Amino acid sequence: MEPTYVTGKPRRWLRLDGAVLFIASILLFRLTHQAWWIYPVLLFVPDVFMLGYLRDTKVGAFFYNAGHTYLLPALTILYGWHYGHALVLAIGIIWLGHVGFDRFAGYGLKYDTSFKNTHLGNLFKSKLRQKS
């Protein structure tokens, strides 16, 4: 059974939300006064959560979604802010930027059925539609 997903204008709004989050994270990162090169170096580190797919799609979806929601980066930001750790704060901001970048690119939260089935649509089918 094919999962359901967001389509039409709501999908475009969610992708726009992702772009806003990505841009906001870049602006907020500047306030941490960390070296500029840290942002691009760490931007795709959250994709390590895809390693769960080496086990199976259910485990993969769980870990991917855990690393691609706002909860863990928000907790990282709160920890860094509360304890005055600018680098930890910056890492959390970059992590949120990664989530925003992924949403803007059309990579949504995963269903247990397959990596390509997301709340924003089927990645493979979306790419085929873009080519035609």
C-alpha atoms as a PDB file:
ATOM      1  CA  MET A   1       0.000   0.000   0.000  1.00  0.00           C
ATOM      2  CA  GLU A   2       1.352   3.411  -1.006  1.00  0.00           C
ATOM      3  CA  PRO A   3       1.569   5.894   1.889  1.00  0.00           C
ATOM      4  CA  THR A   4      -0.346   9.139   1.699  1.00  0.00           C
ATOM      5  CA  TYR A   5       1.507  12.414   1.565  1.00  0.00           C
ATOM      6  CA  VAL A   6       1.041  16.145   1.320  1.00  0.00           C
ATOM      7  CA  THR A   7       0.377  17.458  -2.188  1.00  0.00           C
ATOM      8  CA  GLY A   8      -0.374  20.688  -3.988  1.00  0.00           C
ATOM      9  CA  LYS A   9      -0.156  24.062  -2.279  1.00  0.00           C
ATOM     10  CA  PRO A  10       0.406  22.697   1.255  1.00  0.00           C
ATOM     11  CA  ARG A  11       3.459  20.811  -0.063  1.00  0.00           C
ATOM     12  CA  ARG A  12       4.812  24.016  -1.604  1.00  0.00           C
ATOM     13  CA  TRP A  13       4.219  25.867   1.681  1.00  0.00           C
ATOM     14  CA  LEU A  14       6.072  23.168   3.627  1.00  0.00           C
ATOM     15  CA  ARG A  15       8.986  23.385   1.231  1.00  0.00           C
ATOM     16  CA  LEU A  16       8.985  27.177   1.563  1.00  0.00           C
ATOM     17  CA  ASP A  17       9.028  26.725   5.354  1.00  0.00           C
ATOM     18  CA  GLY A  18      12.148  24.613   4.870  1.00  0.00           C
ATOM     19  CA  ALA A  19      13.838  27.359   2.850  1.00  0.00           C
ATOM     20  CA  VAL A  20      12.981  29.940   5.526  1.00  0.00           C
ATOM     21  CA  LEU A  21      14.412  27.689   8.248  1.00  0.00           C
ATOM     22  CA  PHE A  22      17.598  27.113   6.245  1.00  0.00           C
ATOM     23  CA  ILE A  23      18.150  30.839   5.633  1.00  0.00           C
ATOM     24  CA  ALA A  24      17.309  31.702   9.252  1.00  0.00           C
ATOM     25  CA  SER A  25      19.845  29.138  10.456  1.00  0.00           C
ATOM     26  CA  ILE A  26      22.581  30.783   8.389  1.00  0.00           C
ATOM     27  CA  LEU A  27      21.728  34.182   9.863  1.00  0.00           C
ATOM     28  CA  LEU A  28      21.551  32.806  13.413  1.00  0.00           C
ATOM     29  CA  PHE A  29      24.821  30.925  12.952  1.00  0.00           C
ATOM     30  CA  ARG A  30      26.557  34.272  12.377  1.00  0.00           C
ATOM     31  CA  LEU A  31      25.524  35.318  15.890  1.00  0.00           C
ATOM     32  CA  THR A  32      27.492  32.434  17.419  1.00  0.00           C
ATOM     33  CA  HIS A  33      30.776  33.964  16.163  1.00  0.00           C
ATOM     34  CA  GLN A  34      32.069  30.566  15.091  1.00  0.00           C
ATOM     35  CA  ALA A  35      34.357  30.150  12.079  1.00  0.00           C
ATOM     36  CA  TRP A  36      32.333  30.382   8.843  1.00  0.00           C
ATOM     37  CA  TRP A  37      33.711  27.104   7.467  1.00  0.00           C
ATOM     38  CA  ILE A  38      32.051  25.087  10.270  1.00  0.00           C
ATOM     39  CA  TYR A  39      28.602  25.565   8.712  1.00  0.00           C
ATOM     40  CA  PRO A  40      29.256  23.899   5.336  1.00  0.00           C
ATOM     41  CA  VAL A  41      31.458  21.220   6.911  1.00  0.00           C
ATOM     42  CA  LEU A  42      28.763  20.143   9.388  1.00  0.00           C
ATOM     43  CA  LEU A  43      25.665  20.791   7.266  1.00  0.00           C
ATOM     44  CA  PHE A  44      25.254  17.200   6.058  1.00  0.00           C
ATOM     45  CA  VAL A  45      26.458  15.427   9.220  1.00  0.00           C
ATOM     46  CA  PRO A  46      22.835  14.738  10.317  1.00  0.00           C
ATOM     47  CA  ASP A  47      22.560  12.392   7.343  1.00  0.00           C
ATOM     48  CA  VAL A  48      24.493   9.904   9.491  1.00  0.00           C
ATOM     49  CA  PHE A  49      21.020   9.027  10.812  1.00  0.00           C
ATOM     50  CA  MET A  50      20.461   7.225   7.488  1.00  0.00           C
ATOM     51  CA  LEU A  51      22.746   4.438   8.674  1.00  0.00           C
ATOM     52  CA  GLY A  52      19.715   2.752  10.232  1.00  0.00           C
ATOM     53  CA  TYR A  53      18.733   1.762   6.709  1.00  0.00           C
ATOM     54  CA  LEU A  54      21.636  -0.698   6.759  1.00  0.00           C
ATOM     55  CA  ARG A  55      19.464  -2.758   9.121  1.00  0.00           C
ATOM     56  CA  ASP A  56      16.031  -2.395   7.474  1.00  0.00           C
ATOM     57  CA  THR A  57      13.505   0.244   6.432  1.00  0.00           C
ATOM     58  CA  LYS A  58      11.679   0.336   9.773  1.00  0.00           C
ATOM     59  CA  VAL A  59      14.847   0.973  11.793  1.00  0.00           C
ATOM     60  CA  GLY A  60      16.113   3.297   9.086  1.00  0.00           C
ATOM     61  CA  ALA A  61      12.934   5.385   9.094  1.00  0.00           C
ATOM     62  CA  PHE A  62      12.998   5.632  12.900  1.00  0.00           C
ATOM     63  CA  PHE A  63      16.581   6.908  13.064  1.00  0.00           C
ATOM     64  CA  TYR A  64      16.256   9.117   9.994  1.00  0.00           C
ATOM     65  CA  ASN A  65      13.123  10.754  11.392  1.00  0.00           C
ATOM     66  CA  ALA A  66      14.704  11.163  14.830  1.00  0.00           C
ATOM     67  CA  GLY A  67      17.558  13.085  13.243  1.00  0.00           C
ATOM     68  CA  HIS A  68      15.382  15.060  10.844  1.00  0.00           C
ATOM     69  CA  THR A  69      12.741  16.525  13.125  1.00  0.00           C
ATOM     70  CA  TYR A  70      13.136  19.688  15.179  1.00  0.00           C
ATOM     71  CA  LEU A  71      13.349  17.970  18.591  1.00  0.00           C
ATOM     72  CA  LEU A  72      17.011  16.927  18.782  1.00  0.00           C
ATOM     73  CA  PRO A  73      18.476  20.084  17.199  1.00  0.00           C
ATOM     74  CA  ALA A  74      16.229  22.214  19.435  1.00  0.00           C
ATOM     75  CA  LEU A  75      17.485  20.361  22.530  1.00  0.00           C
ATOM     76  CA  THR A  76      21.055  20.861  21.307  1.00  0.00           C
ATOM     77  CA  ILE A  77      20.414  24.592  20.876  1.00  0.00           C
ATOM     78  CA  LEU A  78      18.825  24.865  24.324  1.00  0.00           C
ATOM     79  CA  TYR A  79      21.744  23.045  25.921  1.00  0.00           C
ATOM     80  CA  GLY A  80      24.326  25.220  24.165  1.00  0.00           C
ATOM     81  CA  TRP A  81      22.439  28.411  25.005  1.00  0.00           C
ATOM     82  CA  HIS A  82      21.746  27.496  28.635  1.00  0.00           C
ATOM     83  CA  TYR A  83      25.308  26.432  29.389  1.00  0.00           C
ATOM     84  CA  GLY A  84      26.986  29.085  27.258  1.00  0.00           C
ATOM     85  CA  HIS A  85      28.605  26.665  24.800  1.00  0.00           C
ATOM     86  CA  ALA A  86      28.728  28.631  21.554  1.00  0.00           C
ATOM     87  CA  LEU A  87      29.970  25.672  19.510  1.00  0.00           C
ATOM     88  CA  VAL A  88      27.155  23.396  20.756  1.00  0.00           C
ATOM     89  CA  LEU A  89      24.683  26.199  20.018  1.00  0.00           C
ATOM     90  CA  ALA A  90      26.146  26.541  16.514  1.00  0.00           C
ATOM     91  CA  ILE A  91      25.898  22.781  15.918  1.00  0.00           C
ATOM     92  CA  GLY A  92      22.215  22.820  16.860  1.00  0.00           C
ATOM     93  CA  ILE A  93      21.593  25.769  14.542  1.00  0.00           C
ATOM     94  CA  ILE A  94      23.382  23.999  11.686  1.00  0.00           C
ATOM     95  CA  TRP A  95      21.345  20.875  12.405  1.00  0.00           C
ATOM     96  CA  LEU A  96      18.101  22.861  12.144  1.00  0.00           C
ATOM     97  CA  GLY A  97      19.449  24.327   8.900  1.00  0.00           C
ATOM     98  CA  HIS A  98      19.977  20.814   7.584  1.00  0.00           C
ATOM     99  CA  VAL A  99      16.364  19.898   8.365  1.00  0.00           C
ATOM    100  CA  GLY A 100      15.208  23.051   6.576  1.00  0.00           C
ATOM    101  CA  PHE A 101      17.454  22.364   3.590  1.00  0.00           C
ATOM    102  CA  ASP A 102      16.121  18.816   3.304  1.00  0.00           C
ATOM    103  CA  ARG A 103      12.493  19.981   3.478  1.00  0.00           C
ATOM    104  CA  PHE A 104      13.163  22.628   0.825  1.00  0.00           C
ATOM    105  CA  ALA A 105      14.757  19.967  -1.391  1.00  0.00           C
ATOM    106  CA  GLY A 106      11.684  17.756  -0.980  1.00  0.00           C
ATOM    107  CA  TYR A 107      13.132  15.230   1.451  1.00  0.00           C
ATOM    108  CA  GLY A 108      10.475  14.641   4.050  1.00  0.00           C
ATOM    109  CA  LEU A 109      10.038  12.399   7.045  1.00  0.00           C
ATOM    110  CA  LYS A 110      10.200   8.747   6.078  1.00  0.00           C
ATOM    111  CA  TYR A 111       7.572   6.033   6.168  1.00  0.00           C
ATOM    112  CA  ASP A 112       8.620   2.534   7.265  1.00  0.00           C
ATOM    113  CA  THR A 113       7.988   1.146   3.767  1.00  0.00           C
ATOM    114  CA  SER A 114      10.914   2.674   1.876  1.00  0.00           C
ATOM    115  CA  PHE A 115      13.459   5.483   2.041  1.00  0.00           C
ATOM    116  CA  LYS A 116      11.795   7.083  -0.972  1.00  0.00           C
ATOM    117  CA  ASN A 117       8.339   7.324   0.690  1.00  0.00           C
ATOM    118  CA  THR A 118       8.136  10.575   2.630  1.00  0.00           C
ATOM    119  CA  HIS A 119       5.469  12.878   3.990  1.00  0.00           C
ATOM    120  CA  LEU A 120       6.296  15.219   1.108  1.00  0.00           C
ATOM    121  CA  GLY A 121       5.845  12.522  -1.525  1.00  0.00           C
ATOM    122  CA  ASN A 122       7.643   9.676  -3.202  1.00  0.00           C
ATOM    123  CA  LEU A 123      11.181  10.868  -3.965  1.00  0.00           C
ATOM    124  CA  PHE A 124      11.536   8.745  -7.087  1.00  0.00           C
ATOM    125  CA  LYS A 125       8.177   9.751  -8.551  1.00  0.00           C
ATOM    126  CA  SER A 126       8.840  13.418  -7.746  1.00  0.00           C
ATOM    127  CA  LYS A 127      12.117  13.310  -9.668  1.00  0.00           C
ATOM    128  CA  LEU A 128      10.426  11.685 -12.671  1.00  0.00           C
ATOM    129  CA  ARG A 129       7.747  14.385 -12.737  1.00  0.00           C
ATOM    130  CA  GLN A 130      10.394  17.115 -12.640  1.00  0.00           C
ATOM    131  CA  LYS A 131      12.154  15.677 -15.714  1.00  0.00           C
ATOM    132  CA  SER A 132       9.008  15.555 -17.829  1.00  0.00           C
END
